[in-house]
Amino acid sequence: MERTVRDLVRHWADETPNASAIVSLEGDALTYAELAALIDTGATAIRRRSVAAHDRVAIVLPNGPPMAVAFLATNAVAAAAPLNPGLTEAEFRYYFEDLEVRLLIAESTDTTPATRVAHQMGIEVLALSLIHI
């Protein structure tokens, strides 16, 4: 029986819901129950934007628990394409075009190189706060 990472997180959420699943460098932790809920919430938010399994979703976030959750939520419903937040507009344009990005997940919809390029290219931006991470 094949299992996905989402299945494994759900398993551990059922077995040990209060155990730490992800811990930040600062010591903040997400339990398996919290992680499973965030993956489901994120996957639903992504799916609501008409993203299909074959679509690519760019994720432009700094390393840390929010990035991990966004990556896992995206992989539950589509192909995740994590990109370095330090890229230039020209680099984002190249990657967005090359990957045929359908959606961008970013910290906010505020103007950053990634969100500027996404808006110029007609790519929807999903603010991280909308998936409650």
Foldseek 3Di string as FASTA:
>chain_A
DDDDVLRVLVVCCVVPVACFDFAWPVGDTDGSVRLNLLLVLLLVVVVVLVDAAAAEEEEEEDDGDLSVSNCSSCNVGYHYHYDYLPDALVVLLVVCVVRVHQAYEYQACPDGSNNVSCVVVVHYYDHSVSSPD
